[in-house]
PDB file of N, CA and C in Angstrom:
ATOM      1  N   MET A   1      14.018  -4.149  11.668  1.00  0.00           N
ATOM      2  CA  MET A   1      12.600  -4.198  11.960  1.00  0.00           C
ATOM      3  C   MET A   1      11.883  -5.199  11.064  1.00  0.00           C
ATOM      4  N   ILE A   2      12.243  -5.185   9.760  1.00  0.00           N
ATOM      5  CA  ILE A   2      11.578  -6.079   8.824  1.00  0.00           C
ATOM      6  C   ILE A   2      12.587  -6.663   7.848  1.00  0.00           C
ATOM      7  N   HIS A   3      12.186  -7.762   7.242  1.00  0.00           N
ATOM      8  CA  HIS A   3      12.936  -8.380   6.139  1.00  0.00           C
ATOM      9  C   HIS A   3      11.924  -8.572   5.014  1.00  0.00           C
ATOM     10  N   VAL A   4      12.257  -8.077   3.812  1.00  0.00           N
ATOM     11  CA  VAL A   4      11.326  -8.111   2.688  1.00  0.00           C
ATOM     12  C   VAL A   4      11.897  -8.960   1.568  1.00  0.00           C
ATOM     13  N   GLU A   5      11.039  -9.807   0.990  1.00  0.00           N
ATOM     14  CA  GLU A   5      11.422 -10.627  -0.159  1.00  0.00           C
ATOM     15  C   GLU A   5      10.322 -10.557  -1.214  1.00  0.00           C
ATOM     16  N   VAL A   6      10.745 -10.609  -2.478  1.00  0.00           N
ATOM     17  CA  VAL A   6       9.819 -10.682  -3.596  1.00  0.00           C
ATOM     18  C   VAL A   6      10.137 -11.963  -4.339  1.00  0.00           C
ATOM     19  N   GLY A   7       9.142 -12.824  -4.480  1.00  0.00           N
ATOM     20  CA  GLY A   7       9.367 -14.081  -5.185  1.00  0.00           C
ATOM     21  C   GLY A   7       8.097 -14.889  -5.282  1.00  0.00           C
ATOM     22  N   GLN A   8       8.020 -15.717  -6.300  1.00  0.00           N
ATOM     23  CA  GLN A   8       6.879 -16.601  -6.534  1.00  0.00           C
ATOM     24  C   GLN A   8       5.564 -15.831  -6.544  1.00  0.00           C
ATOM     25  N   GLY A   9       5.588 -14.642  -7.145  1.00  0.00           N
ATOM     26  CA  GLY A   9       4.371 -13.851  -7.272  1.00  0.00           C
ATOM     27  C   GLY A   9       3.869 -13.232  -5.990  1.00  0.00           C
ATOM     28  N   THR A  10       4.735 -13.153  -4.974  1.00  0.00           N
ATOM     29  CA  THR A  10       4.307 -12.649  -3.663  1.00  0.00           C
ATOM     30  C   THR A  10       5.344 -11.694  -3.072  1.00  0.00           C
ATOM     31  N   LEU A  11       4.858 -10.652  -2.432  1.00  0.00           N
ATOM     32  CA  LEU A  11       5.687  -9.783  -1.600  1.00  0.00           C
ATOM     33  C   LEU A  11       5.530 -10.294  -0.173  1.00  0.00           C
ATOM     34  N   SER A  12       6.632 -10.701   0.450  1.00  0.00           N
ATOM     35  CA  SER A  12       6.601 -11.216   1.823  1.00  0.00           C
ATOM     36  C   SER A  12       7.388 -10.290   2.730  1.00  0.00           C
ATOM     37  N   VAL A  13       6.774  -9.915   3.840  1.00  0.00           N
ATOM     38  CA  VAL A  13       7.412  -9.059   4.833  1.00  0.00           C
ATOM     39  C   VAL A  13       7.446  -9.826   6.147  1.00  0.00           C
ATOM     40  N   TRP A  14       8.656 -10.113   6.641  1.00  0.00           N
ATOM     41  CA  TRP A  14       8.821 -10.763   7.938  1.00  0.00           C
ATOM     42  C   TRP A  14       9.113  -9.687   8.974  1.00  0.00           C
ATOM     43  N   HIS A  15       8.372  -9.712  10.060  1.00  0.00           N
ATOM     44  CA  HIS A  15       8.506  -8.712  11.115  1.00  0.00           C
ATOM     45  C   HIS A  15       9.409  -9.247  12.218  1.00  0.00           C
ATOM     46  N   ALA A  16      10.313  -8.396  12.695  1.00  0.00           N
ATOM     47  CA  ALA A  16      11.205  -8.769  13.799  1.00  0.00           C
ATOM     48  C   ALA A  16      10.373  -9.108  15.030  1.00  0.00           C
ATOM     49  N   PRO A  17      10.887  -9.985  15.879  1.00  0.00           N
ATOM     50  CA  PRO A  17      10.103 -10.402  17.053  1.00  0.00           C
ATOM     51  C   PRO A  17       9.550  -9.246  17.887  1.00  0.00           C
ATOM     52  N   TRP A  18      10.307  -8.197  18.111  1.00  0.00           N
ATOM     53  CA  TRP A  18       9.815  -7.104  18.948  1.00  0.00           C
ATOM     54  C   TRP A  18       8.711  -6.301  18.266  1.00  0.00           C
ATOM     55  N   THR A  19       8.663  -6.299  16.925  1.00  0.00           N
ATOM     56  CA  THR A  19       7.620  -5.538  16.218  1.00  0.00           C
ATOM     57  C   THR A  19       6.306  -6.301  16.152  1.00  0.00           C
ATOM     58  N   ARG A  20       6.343  -7.609  16.332  1.00  0.00           N
ATOM     59  CA  ARG A  20       5.140  -8.438  16.210  1.00  0.00           C
ATOM     60  C   ARG A  20       4.062  -8.051  17.208  1.00  0.00           C
ATOM     61  N   LEU A  21       4.473  -7.567  18.352  1.00  0.00           N
ATOM     62  CA  LEU A  21       3.520  -7.109  19.355  1.00  0.00           C
ATOM     63  C   LEU A  21       2.683  -5.946  18.819  1.00  0.00           C
ATOM     64  N   PHE A  22       3.278  -5.095  17.992  1.00  0.00           N
ATOM     65  CA  PHE A  22       2.609  -3.888  17.500  1.00  0.00           C
ATOM     66  C   PHE A  22       1.869  -4.111  16.183  1.00  0.00           C
ATOM     67  N   VAL A  23       2.395  -4.982  15.312  1.00  0.00           N
ATOM     68  CA  VAL A  23       1.729  -5.237  14.028  1.00  0.00           C
ATOM     69  C   VAL A  23       0.791  -6.444  14.107  1.00  0.00           C
ATOM     70  N   ARG A  24       0.887  -7.195  15.192  1.00  0.00           N
ATOM     71  CA  ARG A  24       0.014  -8.346  15.464  1.00  0.00           C
ATOM     72  C   ARG A  24       0.109  -9.438  14.398  1.00  0.00           C
ATOM     73  N   ARG A  25       1.325  -9.655  13.917  1.00  0.00           N
ATOM     74  CA  ARG A  25       1.574 -10.723  12.949  1.00  0.00           C
ATOM     75  C   ARG A  25       3.067 -10.953  12.833  1.00  0.00           C
ATOM     76  N   ALA A  26       3.442 -12.141  12.414  1.00  0.00           N
ATOM     77  CA  ALA A  26       4.848 -12.455  12.196  1.00  0.00           C
ATOM     78  C   ALA A  26       5.253 -12.190  10.750  1.00  0.00           C
ATOM     79  N   ARG A  27       4.283 -12.334   9.830  1.00  0.00           N
ATOM     80  CA  ARG A  27       4.588 -12.158   8.413  1.00  0.00           C
ATOM     81  C   ARG A  27       3.365 -11.580   7.711  1.00  0.00           C
ATOM     82  N   THR A  28       3.634 -10.753   6.716  1.00  0.00           N
ATOM     83  CA  THR A  28       2.593 -10.211   5.855  1.00  0.00           C
ATOM     84  C   THR A  28       2.903 -10.661   4.439  1.00  0.00           C
ATOM     85  N   ARG A  29       1.920 -11.264   3.781  1.00  0.00           N
ATOM     86  CA  ARG A  29       2.109 -11.724   2.400  1.00  0.00           C
ATOM     87  C   ARG A  29       1.073 -11.060   1.513  1.00  0.00           C
ATOM     88  N   VAL A  30       1.559 -10.484   0.394  1.00  0.00           N
ATOM     89  CA  VAL A  30       0.685  -9.807  -0.543  1.00  0.00           C
ATOM     90  C   VAL A  30       0.974 -10.337  -1.945  1.00  0.00           C
ATOM     91  N   PRO A  31      -0.033 -10.833  -2.655  1.00  0.00           N
ATOM     92  CA  PRO A  31       0.184 -11.236  -4.048  1.00  0.00           C
ATOM     93  C   PRO A  31       0.578 -10.017  -4.886  1.00  0.00           C
ATOM     94  N   LEU A  32       1.571 -10.161  -5.748  1.00  0.00           N
ATOM     95  CA  LEU A  32       2.039  -9.031  -6.549  1.00  0.00           C
ATOM     96  C   LEU A  32       0.937  -8.464  -7.430  1.00  0.00           C
ATOM     97  N   GLU A  33       0.023  -9.308  -7.919  1.00  0.00           N
ATOM     98  CA  GLU A  33      -1.047  -8.799  -8.782  1.00  0.00           C
ATOM     99  C   GLU A  33      -2.039  -7.931  -8.009  1.00  0.00           C
ATOM    100  N   ALA A  34      -2.025  -7.988  -6.677  1.00  0.00           N
ATOM    101  CA  ALA A  34      -2.914  -7.155  -5.868  1.00  0.00           C
ATOM    102  C   ALA A  34      -2.329  -5.771  -5.600  1.00  0.00           C
ATOM    103  N   ILE A  35      -1.062  -5.566  -5.969  1.00  0.00           N
ATOM    104  CA  ILE A  35      -0.419  -4.276  -5.719  1.00  0.00           C
ATOM    105  C   ILE A  35      -0.784  -3.316  -6.840  1.00  0.00           C
ATOM    106  N   GLN A  36      -1.402  -2.209  -6.464  1.00  0.00           N
ATOM    107  CA  GLN A  36      -1.880  -1.214  -7.411  1.00  0.00           C
ATOM    108  C   GLN A  36      -0.809  -0.180  -7.738  1.00  0.00           C
ATOM    109  N   ASP A  37      -0.031   0.231  -6.718  1.00  0.00           N
ATOM    110  CA  ASP A  37       0.972   1.285  -6.918  1.00  0.00           C
ATOM    111  C   ASP A  37       2.067   1.134  -5.867  1.00  0.00           C
ATOM    112  N   VAL A  38       3.285   1.528  -6.256  1.00  0.00           N
ATOM    113  CA  VAL A  38       4.417   1.529  -5.324  1.00  0.00           C
ATOM    114  C   VAL A  38       5.125   2.866  -5.485  1.00  0.00           C
ATOM    115  N   GLN A  39       5.169   3.649  -4.418  1.00  0.00           N
ATOM    116  CA  GLN A  39       5.792   4.973  -4.452  1.00  0.00           C
ATOM    117  C   GLN A  39       6.978   5.020  -3.504  1.00  0.00           C
ATOM    118  N   LEU A  40       8.038   5.653  -3.958  1.00  0.00           N
ATOM    119  CA  LEU A  40       9.190   5.908  -3.112  1.00  0.00           C
ATOM    120  C   LEU A  40       8.863   7.113  -2.238  1.00  0.00           C
ATOM    121  N   VAL A  41       9.081   6.984  -0.929  1.00  0.00           N
ATOM    122  CA  VAL A  41       8.842   8.106  -0.009  1.00  0.00           C
ATOM    123  C   VAL A  41      10.122   8.388   0.758  1.00  0.00           C
ATOM    124  N   THR A  42      10.534   9.636   0.760  1.00  0.00           N
ATOM    125  CA  THR A  42      11.770  10.000   1.452  1.00  0.00           C
ATOM    126  C   THR A  42      11.579  10.073   2.960  1.00  0.00           C
ATOM    127  N   ASP A  43      10.352  10.355   3.410  1.00  0.00           N
ATOM    128  CA  ASP A  43      10.054  10.433   4.841  1.00  0.00           C
ATOM    129  C   ASP A  43       8.879   9.520   5.171  1.00  0.00           C
ATOM    130  N   PRO A  44       9.139   8.231   5.370  1.00  0.00           N
ATOM    131  CA  PRO A  44       8.030   7.317   5.641  1.00  0.00           C
ATOM    132  C   PRO A  44       7.288   7.616   6.950  1.00  0.00           C
ATOM    133  N   LEU A  45       7.931   8.272   7.887  1.00  0.00           N
ATOM    134  CA  LEU A  45       7.241   8.632   9.131  1.00  0.00           C
ATOM    135  C   LEU A  45       6.096   9.598   8.858  1.00  0.00           C
ATOM    136  N   ALA A  46       6.310  10.536   7.962  1.00  0.00           N
ATOM    137  CA  ALA A  46       5.274  11.513   7.631  1.00  0.00           C
ATOM    138  C   ALA A  46       4.142  10.890   6.818  1.00  0.00           C
ATOM    139  N   ALA A  47       4.415   9.799   6.126  1.00  0.00           N
ATOM    140  CA  ALA A  47       3.399   9.152   5.291  1.00  0.00           C
ATOM    141  C   ALA A  47       2.334   8.442   6.118  1.00  0.00           C
ATOM    142  N   ALA A  48       2.641   8.103   7.345  1.00  0.00           N
ATOM    143  CA  ALA A  48       1.680   7.428   8.224  1.00  0.00           C
ATOM    144  C   ALA A  48       0.958   8.477   9.059  1.00  0.00           C
ATOM    145  N   ARG A  49      -0.321   8.694   8.738  1.00  0.00           N
ATOM    146  CA  ARG A  49      -1.119   9.707   9.442  1.00  0.00           C
ATOM    147  C   ARG A  49      -2.415   9.094   9.946  1.00  0.00           C
ATOM    148  N   GLY A  50      -3.028   9.773  10.872  1.00  0.00           N
ATOM    149  CA  GLY A  50      -4.315   9.347  11.391  1.00  0.00           C
ATOM    150  C   GLY A  50      -4.196   8.726  12.769  1.00  0.00           C
ATOM    151  N   THR A  51      -5.250   8.017  13.160  1.00  0.00           N
ATOM    152  CA  THR A  51      -5.235   7.348  14.456  1.00  0.00           C
ATOM    153  C   THR A  51      -4.421   6.069  14.331  1.00  0.00           C
ATOM    154  N   HIS A  52      -3.847   5.638  15.427  1.00  0.00           N
ATOM    155  CA  HIS A  52      -2.969   4.476  15.334  1.00  0.00           C
ATOM    156  C   HIS A  52      -3.139   3.514  16.503  1.00  0.00           C
ATOM    157  N   SER A  53      -2.707   2.307  16.209  1.00  0.00           N
ATOM    158  CA  SER A  53      -2.579   1.270  17.221  1.00  0.00           C
ATOM    159  C   SER A  53      -1.187   0.700  17.038  1.00  0.00           C
ATOM    160  N   GLY A  54      -0.323   0.928  17.992  1.00  0.00           N
ATOM    161  CA  GLY A  54       1.047   0.448  17.841  1.00  0.00           C
ATOM    162  C   GLY A  54       2.029   1.354  18.548  1.00  0.00           C
ATOM    163  N   LEU A  55       3.266   1.292  18.094  1.00  0.00           N
ATOM    164  CA  LEU A  55       4.360   2.053  18.696  1.00  0.00           C
ATOM    165  C   LEU A  55       4.598   3.338  17.921  1.00  0.00           C
ATOM    166  N   LEU A  56       4.644   4.443  18.634  1.00  0.00           N
ATOM    167  CA  LEU A  56       4.978   5.740  18.055  1.00  0.00           C
ATOM    168  C   LEU A  56       6.047   6.374  18.935  1.00  0.00           C
ATOM    169  N   VAL A  57       7.258   6.505  18.386  1.00  0.00           N
ATOM    170  CA  VAL A  57       8.330   7.228  19.054  1.00  0.00           C
ATOM    171  C   VAL A  57       8.555   8.463  18.188  1.00  0.00           C
ATOM    172  N   THR A  58       8.034   9.584  18.617  1.00  0.00           N
ATOM    173  CA  THR A  58       7.998  10.797  17.811  1.00  0.00           C
ATOM    174  C   THR A  58       9.349  11.117  17.191  1.00  0.00           C
ATOM    175  N   GLY A  59       9.330  11.253  15.863  1.00  0.00           N
ATOM    176  CA  GLY A  59      10.532  11.607  15.124  1.00  0.00           C
ATOM    177  C   GLY A  59      11.507  10.469  14.907  1.00  0.00           C
ATOM    178  N   PHE A  60      11.196   9.273  15.408  1.00  0.00           N
ATOM    179  CA  PHE A  60      12.137   8.158  15.260  1.00  0.00           C
ATOM    180  C   PHE A  60      11.530   6.916  14.607  1.00  0.00           C
ATOM    181  N   ALA A  61      10.377   6.455  15.085  1.00  0.00           N
ATOM    182  CA  ALA A  61       9.817   5.207  14.545  1.00  0.00           C
ATOM    183  C   ALA A  61       8.305   5.158  14.708  1.00  0.00           C
ATOM    184  N   LYS A  62       7.670   4.432  13.757  1.00  0.00           N
ATOM    185  CA  LYS A  62       6.251   4.103  13.827  1.00  0.00           C
ATOM    186  C   LYS A  62       6.116   2.640  13.422  1.00  0.00           C
ATOM    187  N   VAL A  63       5.464   1.860  14.279  1.00  0.00           N
ATOM    188  CA  VAL A  63       5.253   0.442  14.009  1.00  0.00           C
ATOM    189  C   VAL A  63       3.840   0.094  14.463  1.00  0.00           C
ATOM    190  N   GLY A  64       3.026  -0.392  13.533  1.00  0.00           N
ATOM    191  CA  GLY A  64       1.653  -0.771  13.871  1.00  0.00           C
ATOM    192  C   GLY A  64       0.712  -0.479  12.734  1.00  0.00           C
ATOM    193  N   THR A  65      -0.544  -0.166  13.075  1.00  0.00           N
ATOM    194  CA  THR A  65      -1.537   0.174  12.062  1.00  0.00           C
ATOM    195  C   THR A  65      -2.004   1.608  12.258  1.00  0.00           C
ATOM    196  N   TRP A  66      -2.151   2.310  11.150  1.00  0.00           N
ATOM    197  CA  TRP A  66      -2.623   3.685  11.138  1.00  0.00           C
ATOM    198  C   TRP A  66      -3.861   3.737  10.262  1.00  0.00           C
ATOM    199  N   ARG A  67      -4.869   4.485  10.690  1.00  0.00           N
ATOM    200  CA  ARG A  67      -6.118   4.587   9.937  1.00  0.00           C
ATOM    201  C   ARG A  67      -6.497   6.052   9.779  1.00  0.00           C
ATOM    202  N   GLU A  68      -6.825   6.424   8.541  1.00  0.00           N
ATOM    203  CA  GLU A  68      -7.295   7.785   8.267  1.00  0.00           C
ATOM    204  C   GLU A  68      -8.816   7.828   8.375  1.00  0.00           C
ATOM    205  N   LEU A  69      -9.362   9.034   8.434  1.00  0.00           N
ATOM    206  CA  LEU A  69     -10.807   9.195   8.535  1.00  0.00           C
ATOM    207  C   LEU A  69     -11.534   8.581   7.344  1.00  0.00           C
ATOM    208  N   GLY A  70     -10.900   8.580   6.176  1.00  0.00           N
ATOM    209  CA  GLY A  70     -11.516   8.007   4.989  1.00  0.00           C
ATOM    210  C   GLY A  70     -11.589   6.494   5.014  1.00  0.00           C
ATOM    211  N   GLY A  71     -11.001   5.866   6.032  1.00  0.00           N
ATOM    212  CA  GLY A  71     -11.071   4.426   6.172  1.00  0.00           C
ATOM    213  C   GLY A  71      -9.857   3.669   5.685  1.00  0.00           C
ATOM    214  N   VAL A  72      -8.871   4.360   5.107  1.00  0.00           N
ATOM    215  CA  VAL A  72      -7.664   3.683   4.630  1.00  0.00           C
ATOM    216  C   VAL A  72      -6.860   3.195   5.829  1.00  0.00           C
ATOM    217  N   LYS A  73      -6.575   1.891   5.845  1.00  0.00           N
ATOM    218  CA  LYS A  73      -5.825   1.295   6.950  1.00  0.00           C
ATOM    219  C   LYS A  73      -4.439   0.910   6.442  1.00  0.00           C
ATOM    220  N   ARG A  74      -3.402   1.388   7.142  1.00  0.00           N
ATOM    221  CA  ARG A  74      -2.016   1.169   6.733  1.00  0.00           C
ATOM    222  C   ARG A  74      -1.269   0.337   7.771  1.00  0.00           C
ATOM    223  N   LEU A  75      -0.510  -0.628   7.283  1.00  0.00           N
ATOM    224  CA  LEU A  75       0.436  -1.348   8.123  1.00  0.00           C
ATOM    225  C   LEU A  75       1.752  -0.608   7.997  1.00  0.00           C
ATOM    226  N   VAL A  76       2.301  -0.147   9.108  1.00  0.00           N
ATOM    227  CA  VAL A  76       3.465   0.732   9.077  1.00  0.00           C
ATOM    228  C   VAL A  76       4.623   0.126   9.864  1.00  0.00           C
ATOM    229  N   CYS A  77       5.794   0.079   9.223  1.00  0.00           N
ATOM    230  CA  CYS A  77       7.065  -0.245   9.873  1.00  0.00           C
ATOM    231  C   CYS A  77       8.068   0.762   9.329  1.00  0.00           C
ATOM    232  N   ALA A  78       8.154   1.912   9.970  1.00  0.00           N
ATOM    233  CA  ALA A  78       8.948   3.018   9.445  1.00  0.00           C
ATOM    234  C   ALA A  78       9.875   3.568  10.511  1.00  0.00           C
ATOM    235  N   ARG A  79      11.060   4.009  10.052  1.00  0.00           N
ATOM    236  CA  ARG A  79      11.999   4.663  10.957  1.00  0.00           C
ATOM    237  C   ARG A  79      12.658   5.846  10.277  1.00  0.00           C
ATOM    238  N   ARG A  80      13.214   6.706  11.075  1.00  0.00           N
ATOM    239  CA  ARG A  80      13.734   7.998  10.637  1.00  0.00           C
ATOM    240  C   ARG A  80      14.878   7.886   9.642  1.00  0.00           C
ATOM    241  N   ASP A  81      15.800   6.996   9.831  1.00  0.00           N
ATOM    242  CA  ASP A  81      17.041   7.003   9.063  1.00  0.00           C
ATOM    243  C   ASP A  81      17.018   6.186   7.774  1.00  0.00           C
ATOM    244  N   LEU A  82      15.846   5.731   7.345  1.00  0.00           N
ATOM    245  CA  LEU A  82      15.753   4.938   6.129  1.00  0.00           C
ATOM    246  C   LEU A  82      14.681   5.475   5.200  1.00  0.00           C
ATOM    247  N   PRO A  83      14.916   5.389   3.869  1.00  0.00           N
ATOM    248  CA  PRO A  83      13.846   5.742   2.933  1.00  0.00           C
ATOM    249  C   PRO A  83      12.765   4.668   2.998  1.00  0.00           C
ATOM    250  N   GLY A  84      11.668   4.914   2.323  1.00  0.00           N
ATOM    251  CA  GLY A  84      10.588   3.937   2.416  1.00  0.00           C
ATOM    252  C   GLY A  84       9.791   3.801   1.146  1.00  0.00           C
ATOM    253  N   LEU A  85       8.840   2.885   1.204  1.00  0.00           N
ATOM    254  CA  LEU A  85       7.907   2.644   0.119  1.00  0.00           C
ATOM    255  C   LEU A  85       6.489   2.734   0.656  1.00  0.00           C
ATOM    256  N   ARG A  86       5.622   3.335  -0.149  1.00  0.00           N
ATOM    257  CA  ARG A  86       4.176   3.288   0.109  1.00  0.00           C
ATOM    258  C   ARG A  86       3.619   2.321  -0.927  1.00  0.00           C
ATOM    259  N   ILE A  87       3.133   1.187  -0.470  1.00  0.00           N
ATOM    260  CA  ILE A  87       2.609   0.156  -1.357  1.00  0.00           C
ATOM    261  C   ILE A  87       1.092   0.167  -1.222  1.00  0.00           C
ATOM    262  N   THR A  88       0.410   0.587  -2.290  1.00  0.00           N
ATOM    263  CA  THR A  88      -1.042   0.682  -2.305  1.00  0.00           C
ATOM    264  C   THR A  88      -1.610  -0.593  -2.906  1.00  0.00           C
ATOM    265  N   LEU A  89      -2.561  -1.180  -2.207  1.00  0.00           N
ATOM    266  CA  LEU A  89      -3.164  -2.428  -2.655  1.00  0.00           C
ATOM    267  C   LEU A  89      -4.487  -2.144  -3.366  1.00  0.00           C
ATOM    268  N   GLY A  90      -4.798  -2.970  -4.347  1.00  0.00           N
ATOM    269  CA  GLY A  90      -6.041  -2.808  -5.093  1.00  0.00           C
ATOM    270  C   GLY A  90      -7.266  -3.226  -4.295  1.00  0.00           C
ATOM    271  N   ARG A  91      -7.057  -4.033  -3.283  1.00  0.00           N
ATOM    272  CA  ARG A  91      -8.128  -4.467  -2.388  1.00  0.00           C
ATOM    273  C   ARG A  91      -7.515  -4.708  -1.004  1.00  0.00           C
ATOM    274  N   ARG A  92      -8.352  -4.780  -0.004  1.00  0.00           N
ATOM    275  CA  ARG A  92      -7.860  -5.013   1.361  1.00  0.00           C
ATOM    276  C   ARG A  92      -7.340  -6.446   1.477  1.00  0.00           C
ATOM    277  N   ILE A  93      -6.088  -6.586   1.907  1.00  0.00           N
ATOM    278  CA  ILE A  93      -5.452  -7.882   2.072  1.00  0.00           C
ATOM    279  C   ILE A  93      -4.879  -7.939   3.483  1.00  0.00           C
ATOM    280  N   GLU A  94      -5.154  -9.026   4.161  1.00  0.00           N
ATOM    281  CA  GLU A  94      -4.716  -9.219   5.553  1.00  0.00           C
ATOM    282  C   GLU A  94      -5.107  -8.027   6.425  1.00  0.00           C
ATOM    283  N   GLY A  95      -6.260  -7.428   6.107  1.00  0.00           N
ATOM    284  CA  GLY A  95      -6.800  -6.348   6.919  1.00  0.00           C
ATOM    285  C   GLY A  95      -6.232  -4.970   6.658  1.00  0.00           C
ATOM    286  N   VAL A  96      -5.405  -4.801   5.602  1.00  0.00           N
ATOM    287  CA  VAL A  96      -4.828  -3.482   5.332  1.00  0.00           C
ATOM    288  C   VAL A  96      -4.997  -3.092   3.863  1.00  0.00           C
ATOM    289  N   ASP A  97      -4.999  -1.763   3.627  1.00  0.00           N
ATOM    290  CA  ASP A  97      -5.122  -1.202   2.279  1.00  0.00           C
ATOM    291  C   ASP A  97      -3.777  -0.745   1.732  1.00  0.00           C
ATOM    292  N   GLU A  98      -2.849  -0.403   2.617  1.00  0.00           N
ATOM    293  CA  GLU A  98      -1.524   0.076   2.222  1.00  0.00           C
ATOM    294  C   GLU A  98      -0.469  -0.440   3.184  1.00  0.00           C
ATOM    295  N   LEU A  99       0.753  -0.513   2.681  1.00  0.00           N
ATOM    296  CA  LEU A  99       1.916  -0.811   3.520  1.00  0.00           C
ATOM    297  C   LEU A  99       2.861   0.377   3.413  1.00  0.00           C
ATOM    298  N   ILE A 100       3.395   0.825   4.515  1.00  0.00           N
ATOM    299  CA  ILE A 100       4.455   1.830   4.516  1.00  0.00           C
ATOM    300  C   ILE A 100       5.635   1.185   5.224  1.00  0.00           C
ATOM    301  N   LEU A 101       6.704   0.959   4.449  1.00  0.00           N
ATOM    302  CA  LEU A 101       7.846   0.198   4.943  1.00  0.00           C
ATOM    303  C   LEU A 101       9.137   0.964   4.754  1.00  0.00           C
ATOM    304  N   SER A 102       9.966   1.037   5.772  1.00  0.00           N
ATOM    305  CA  SER A 102      11.324   1.576   5.651  1.00  0.00           C
ATOM    306  C   SER A 102      12.246   0.436   5.267  1.00  0.00           C
ATOM    307  N   VAL A 103      12.950   0.613   4.164  1.00  0.00           N
ATOM    308  CA  VAL A 103      13.888  -0.408   3.690  1.00  0.00           C
ATOM    309  C   VAL A 103      15.144   0.274   3.165  1.00  0.00           C
ATOM    310  N   PRO A 104      16.321  -0.333   3.345  1.00  0.00           N
ATOM    311  CA  PRO A 104      17.567   0.316   2.933  1.00  0.00           C
ATOM    312  C   PRO A 104      17.656   0.588   1.426  1.00  0.00           C
ATOM    313  N   ALA A 105      17.262  -0.347   0.596  1.00  0.00           N
ATOM    314  CA  ALA A 105      17.365  -0.193  -0.867  1.00  0.00           C
ATOM    315  C   ALA A 105      15.958  -0.039  -1.433  1.00  0.00           C
ATOM    316  N   ALA A 106      15.292   1.057  -1.079  1.00  0.00           N
ATOM    317  CA  ALA A 106      13.890   1.246  -1.423  1.00  0.00           C
ATOM    318  C   ALA A 106      13.649   1.269  -2.930  1.00  0.00           C
ATOM    319  N   GLU A 107      14.466   1.986  -3.683  1.00  0.00           N
ATOM    320  CA  GLU A 107      14.245   2.072  -5.134  1.00  0.00           C
ATOM    321  C   GLU A 107      14.439   0.718  -5.811  1.00  0.00           C
ATOM    322  N   GLN A 108      15.434  -0.046  -5.387  1.00  0.00           N
ATOM    323  CA  GLN A 108      15.657  -1.371  -5.972  1.00  0.00           C
ATOM    324  C   GLN A 108      14.483  -2.304  -5.649  1.00  0.00           C
ATOM    325  N   LEU A 109      13.969  -2.234  -4.435  1.00  0.00           N
ATOM    326  CA  LEU A 109      12.816  -3.051  -4.071  1.00  0.00           C
ATOM    327  C   LEU A 109      11.594  -2.623  -4.870  1.00  0.00           C
ATOM    328  N   ARG A 110      11.413  -1.343  -5.046  1.00  0.00           N
ATOM    329  CA  ARG A 110      10.298  -0.829  -5.850  1.00  0.00           C
ATOM    330  C   ARG A 110      10.345  -1.405  -7.261  1.00  0.00           C
ATOM    331  N   GLN A 111      11.522  -1.409  -7.869  1.00  0.00           N
ATOM    332  CA  GLN A 111      11.670  -1.947  -9.222  1.00  0.00           C
ATOM    333  C   GLN A 111      11.373  -3.441  -9.265  1.00  0.00           C
ATOM    334  N   ARG A 112      11.798  -4.183  -8.250  1.00  0.00           N
ATOM    335  CA  ARG A 112      11.518  -5.621  -8.211  1.00  0.00           C
ATOM    336  C   ARG A 112      10.022  -5.885  -8.081  1.00  0.00           C
ATOM    337  N   ILE A 113       9.338  -5.114  -7.248  1.00  0.00           N
ATOM    338  CA  ILE A 113       7.908  -5.300  -7.073  1.00  0.00           C
ATOM    339  C   ILE A 113       7.169  -5.011  -8.375  1.00  0.00           C
ATOM    340  N   LEU A 114       7.582  -3.957  -9.064  1.00  0.00           N
ATOM    341  CA  LEU A 114       6.914  -3.575 -10.311  1.00  0.00           C
ATOM    342  C   LEU A 114       7.376  -4.413 -11.502  1.00  0.00           C
ATOM    343  N   GLY A 115       8.383  -5.244 -11.297  1.00  0.00           N
ATOM    344  CA  GLY A 115       8.876  -6.098 -12.381  1.00  0.00           C
ATOM    345  C   GLY A 115       9.758  -5.391 -13.373  1.00  0.00           C
ATOM    346  N   VAL A 116      10.362  -4.284 -12.949  1.00  0.00           N
ATOM    347  CA  VAL A 116      11.262  -3.523 -13.829  1.00  0.00           C
ATOM    348  C   VAL A 116      12.647  -4.158 -13.738  1.00  0.00           C
ATOM    349  N   PRO A 117      13.258  -4.533 -14.891  1.00  0.00           N
ATOM    350  CA  PRO A 117      14.607  -5.112 -14.820  1.00  0.00           C
ATOM    351  C   PRO A 117      15.613  -4.098 -14.282  1.00  0.00           C
ATOM    352  N   ALA A 118      16.567  -4.588 -13.492  1.00  0.00           N
ATOM    353  CA  ALA A 118      17.573  -3.707 -12.874  1.00  0.00           C
ATOM    354  C   ALA A 118      18.601  -3.239 -13.872  1.00  0.00           C
TER     355      ALA A 118
END
C-alpha cells in the first residue's frame, strides 16, 4: 500500500497507485521537525475513527482521510495484518494533523523518525 523513507530531514510516504484514488495524492512529505509524537499501535484499524472519505473494508483495510468531531484530520493507510504508527504533527501539513500507517517494521521506523540509534 505504501513505501516509507526517512532521509534529508523528511518523512516521505509514497502511495501505491490504487491507493492514490482514496488518499488523493501520490506522495506525502512531512519535515521531521514538524513531527510532535510517534506511537506504535498494534491495531491501526482501530486508531482511525470518525467520519471518513476513502476506502473502508471492515476488519481488513482503511485508506483515505478520517476526521473526528474535534477537527483532527488523519491520513490513513492501514491494514489488518500489519502493526502501525500514529504520527502526530505539531501543525497541519498537507491538510492533515496525523498519519496512521501500517508498516512491517513499525518499531524500527519509529526509532528512525525519532532519531534513536538502532
